[in-house]
C-alpha atoms as a PDB file:
ATOM      1  CA  MET A   1     -84.296 -39.405  16.376  1.00  0.00           C
ATOM      2  CA  ASN A   2     -82.216 -40.834  19.082  1.00  0.00           C
ATOM      3  CA  ASP A   3     -79.419 -39.161  20.971  1.00  0.00           C
ATOM      4  CA  LEU A   4     -76.698 -40.906  18.970  1.00  0.00           C
ATOM      5  CA  SER A   5     -78.136 -39.665  15.659  1.00  0.00           C
ATOM      6  CA  GLN A   6     -78.389 -36.149  16.977  1.00  0.00           C
ATOM      7  CA  PHE A   7     -74.793 -36.339  18.159  1.00  0.00           C
ATOM      8  CA  GLU A   8     -73.645 -37.639  14.758  1.00  0.00           C
ATOM      9  CA  ASN A   9     -75.537 -34.890  12.955  1.00  0.00           C
ATOM     10  CA  ARG A  10     -74.034 -32.185  15.146  1.00  0.00           C
ATOM     11  CA  LEU A  11     -70.594 -33.715  14.723  1.00  0.00           C
ATOM     12  CA  ARG A  12     -71.017 -33.829  10.933  1.00  0.00           C
ATOM     13  CA  ASP A  13     -72.195 -30.214  10.914  1.00  0.00           C
ATOM     14  CA  SER A  14     -69.249 -29.072  13.010  1.00  0.00           C
ATOM     15  CA  LEU A  15     -66.785 -30.905  10.751  1.00  0.00           C
ATOM     16  CA  ARG A  16     -68.132 -29.630   7.437  1.00  0.00           C
ATOM     17  CA  ARG A  17     -65.942 -27.261   5.458  1.00  0.00           C
ATOM     18  CA  VAL A  18     -66.523 -23.609   6.249  1.00  0.00           C
ATOM     19  CA  GLU A  19     -65.314 -20.893   3.908  1.00  0.00           C
ATOM     20  CA  PRO A  20     -62.966 -18.446   5.631  1.00  0.00           C
ATOM     21  CA  PRO A  21     -64.095 -14.861   5.981  1.00  0.00           C
ATOM     22  CA  ALA A  22     -63.103 -12.527   3.181  1.00  0.00           C
ATOM     23  CA  GLY A  23     -59.640 -11.011   3.630  1.00  0.00           C
ATOM     24  CA  LEU A  24     -58.514 -13.527   6.273  1.00  0.00           C
ATOM     25  CA  GLU A  25     -55.443 -14.554   4.271  1.00  0.00           C
ATOM     26  CA  GLN A  26     -54.337 -10.933   3.844  1.00  0.00           C
ATOM     27  CA  ARG A  27     -54.830 -10.222   7.562  1.00  0.00           C
ATOM     28  CA  ILE A  28     -52.787 -13.295   8.528  1.00  0.00           C
ATOM     29  CA  LEU A  29     -49.993 -12.416   6.088  1.00  0.00           C
ATOM     30  CA  ALA A  30     -49.976  -8.818   7.330  1.00  0.00           C
ATOM     31  CA  ARG A  31     -49.709  -9.993  10.935  1.00  0.00           C
ATOM     32  CA  VAL A  32     -46.873 -12.403  10.047  1.00  0.00           C
ATOM     33  CA  GLU A  33     -45.033  -9.608   8.218  1.00  0.00           C
ATOM     34  CA  ALA A  34     -45.518  -7.251  11.173  1.00  0.00           C
ATOM     35  CA  ARG A  35     -43.997  -9.853  13.486  1.00  0.00           C
ATOM     36  CA  ARG A  36     -41.082 -10.341  11.081  1.00  0.00           C
ATOM     37  CA  ARG A  37     -40.454  -6.597  11.008  1.00  0.00           C
ATOM     38  CA  PHE A  38     -40.635  -6.455  14.796  1.00  0.00           C
ATOM     39  CA  ALA A  39     -38.184  -9.360  15.097  1.00  0.00           C
ATOM     40  CA  ARG A  40     -35.904  -7.715  12.522  1.00  0.00           C
ATOM     41  CA  ARG A  41     -36.003  -4.438  14.452  1.00  0.00           C
ATOM     42  CA  ARG A  42     -35.254  -6.281  17.672  1.00  0.00           C
ATOM     43  CA  TRP A  43     -32.204  -7.948  16.060  1.00  0.00           C
ATOM     44  CA  LEU A  44     -31.073  -4.632  14.630  1.00  0.00           C
ATOM     45  CA  ALA A  45     -31.440  -2.997  18.036  1.00  0.00           C
ATOM     46  CA  ALA A  46     -29.437  -5.812  19.626  1.00  0.00           C
ATOM     47  CA  ALA A  47     -26.752  -5.528  16.942  1.00  0.00           C
ATOM     48  CA  ALA A  48     -26.610  -1.766  17.382  1.00  0.00           C
ATOM     49  CA  SER A  49     -26.235  -2.241  21.130  1.00  0.00           C
ATOM     50  CA  VAL A  50     -23.349  -4.648  20.593  1.00  0.00           C
ATOM     51  CA  VAL A  51     -21.682  -2.232  18.181  1.00  0.00           C
ATOM     52  CA  PHE A  52     -22.193   0.599  20.648  1.00  0.00           C
ATOM     53  CA  VAL A  53     -20.742  -1.359  23.566  1.00  0.00           C
ATOM     54  CA  VAL A  54     -17.786  -2.724  21.585  1.00  0.00           C
ATOM     55  CA  GLY A  55     -17.135   0.631  19.919  1.00  0.00           C
ATOM     56  CA  GLY A  56     -17.370   2.383  23.257  1.00  0.00           C
ATOM     57  CA  GLY A  57     -14.927  -0.111  24.675  1.00  0.00           C
ATOM     58  CA  PHE A  58     -12.456   0.566  21.889  1.00  0.00           C
ATOM     59  CA  ILE A  59     -12.874   4.303  22.335  1.00  0.00           C
ATOM     60  CA  GLY A  60     -12.434   3.917  26.096  1.00  0.00           C
ATOM     61  CA  VAL A  61      -9.264   1.864  25.640  1.00  0.00           C
ATOM     62  CA  HIS A  62      -7.914   4.389  23.131  1.00  0.00           C
ATOM     63  CA  TYR A  63      -8.758   7.254  25.493  1.00  0.00           C
ATOM     64  CA  ARG A  64      -7.034   5.550  28.447  1.00  0.00           C
ATOM     65  CA  GLN A  65      -4.004   4.744  26.275  1.00  0.00           C
ATOM     66  CA  ARG A  66      -3.878   8.373  25.180  1.00  0.00           C
ATOM     67  CA  GLN A  67      -3.978   9.533  28.820  1.00  0.00           C
ATOM     68  CA  ILE A  68      -1.110   7.166  29.721  1.00  0.00           C
ATOM     69  CA  GLU A  69       0.940   8.445  26.782  1.00  0.00           C
ATOM     70  CA  GLU A  70       0.257  12.052  27.755  1.00  0.00           C
ATOM     71  CA  ARG A  71       1.364  11.342  31.340  1.00  0.00           C
ATOM     72  CA  GLN A  72       4.530   9.674  30.036  1.00  0.00           C
ATOM     73  CA  VAL A  73       5.255  12.666  27.800  1.00  0.00           C
ATOM     74  CA  GLU A  74       4.774  15.002  30.772  1.00  0.00           C
ATOM     75  CA  VAL A  75       7.181  12.933  32.914  1.00  0.00           C
ATOM     76  CA  VAL A  76       9.811  12.992  30.126  1.00  0.00           C
ATOM     77  CA  ARG A  77       9.330  16.749  29.722  1.00  0.00           C
ATOM     78  CA  GLN A  78       9.839  17.291  33.449  1.00  0.00           C
ATOM     79  CA  GLN A  79      12.932  15.049  33.453  1.00  0.00           C
ATOM     80  CA  PHE A  80      14.372  16.914  30.463  1.00  0.00           C
ATOM     81  CA  SER A  81      13.709  20.256  32.132  1.00  0.00           C
ATOM     82  CA  LEU A  82      15.442  19.072  35.307  1.00  0.00           C
ATOM     83  CA  ALA A  83      18.402  17.763  33.267  1.00  0.00           C
ATOM     84  CA  LEU A  84      18.727  21.180  31.563  1.00  0.00           C
ATOM     85  CA  GLN A  85      18.635  22.954  34.942  1.00  0.00           C
ATOM     86  CA  ILE A  86      21.318  20.659  36.375  1.00  0.00           C
ATOM     87  CA  THR A  87      23.472  21.038  33.244  1.00  0.00           C
ATOM     88  CA  SER A  88      23.097  24.821  33.321  1.00  0.00           C
ATOM     89  CA  LYS A  89      24.045  24.914  37.011  1.00  0.00           C
ATOM     90  CA  HIS A  90      27.171  22.793  36.434  1.00  0.00           C
ATOM     91  CA  LEU A  91      28.179  24.765  33.334  1.00  0.00           C
ATOM     92  CA  SER A  92      27.828  28.028  35.282  1.00  0.00           C
ATOM     93  CA  LYS A  93      29.955  26.588  38.086  1.00  0.00           C
ATOM     94  CA  ALA A  94      32.614  25.392  35.584  1.00  0.00           C
ATOM     95  CA  ASP A  95      32.551  28.830  33.893  1.00  0.00           C
ATOM     96  CA  ARG A  96      33.127  30.580  37.250  1.00  0.00           C
ATOM     97  CA  GLN A  97      35.988  28.222  38.103  1.00  0.00           C
ATOM     98  CA  LEU A  98      37.616  28.749  34.689  1.00  0.00           C
ATOM     99  CA  ARG A  99      37.295  32.535  34.988  1.00  0.00           C
ATOM    100  CA  ALA A 100      38.767  32.331  38.484  1.00  0.00           C
ATOM    101  CA  ILE A 101      41.966  30.809  37.078  1.00  0.00           C
ATOM    102  CA  GLY A 102      42.121  33.278  34.211  1.00  0.00           C
ATOM    103  CA  VAL A 103      40.534  31.372  31.305  1.00  0.00           C
ATOM    104  CA  LYS A 104      38.350  33.790  29.385  1.00  0.00           C
ATOM    105  CA  GLN A 105      37.377  31.722  26.369  1.00  0.00           C
ATOM    106  CA  ILE A 106      37.652  28.091  25.371  1.00  0.00           C
ATOM    107  CA  GLU A 107      38.148  27.307  21.737  1.00  0.00           C
ATOM    108  CA  LEU A 108      35.737  24.631  20.526  1.00  0.00           C
ATOM    109  CA  VAL A 109      36.911  22.366  17.732  1.00  0.00           C
ATOM    110  CA  GLU A 110      34.498  20.179  15.832  1.00  0.00           C
ATOM    111  CA  VAL A 111      35.765  16.650  15.351  1.00  0.00           C
ATOM    112  CA  GLU A 112      34.803  14.552  12.354  1.00  0.00           C
ATOM    113  CA  ARG A 113      33.786  11.001  12.945  1.00  0.00           C
END
């Protein structure tokens, strides 16, 4: 046999159909399914991260807005308290001046609109 015949025989042998090992199809399908599950979990983790970041952003914005509103309420409360103090001071002064000229009581009359 010459070298070319030997080469052709080896080539023919290497190209002949070989039966796959038992269970190969199930192992391949199991591996493909495992990769799908892993990819699915990775997408779910990414989606959860996005939801967490966006939700946290909304919560952060709401929290900051709440703080601003609380500060505004506190400023209004302080302004109202100061207005009451000033009004009380001026009413006391007017009361003293009225008493000084002999007015003991002022009659209040409700006016209809």
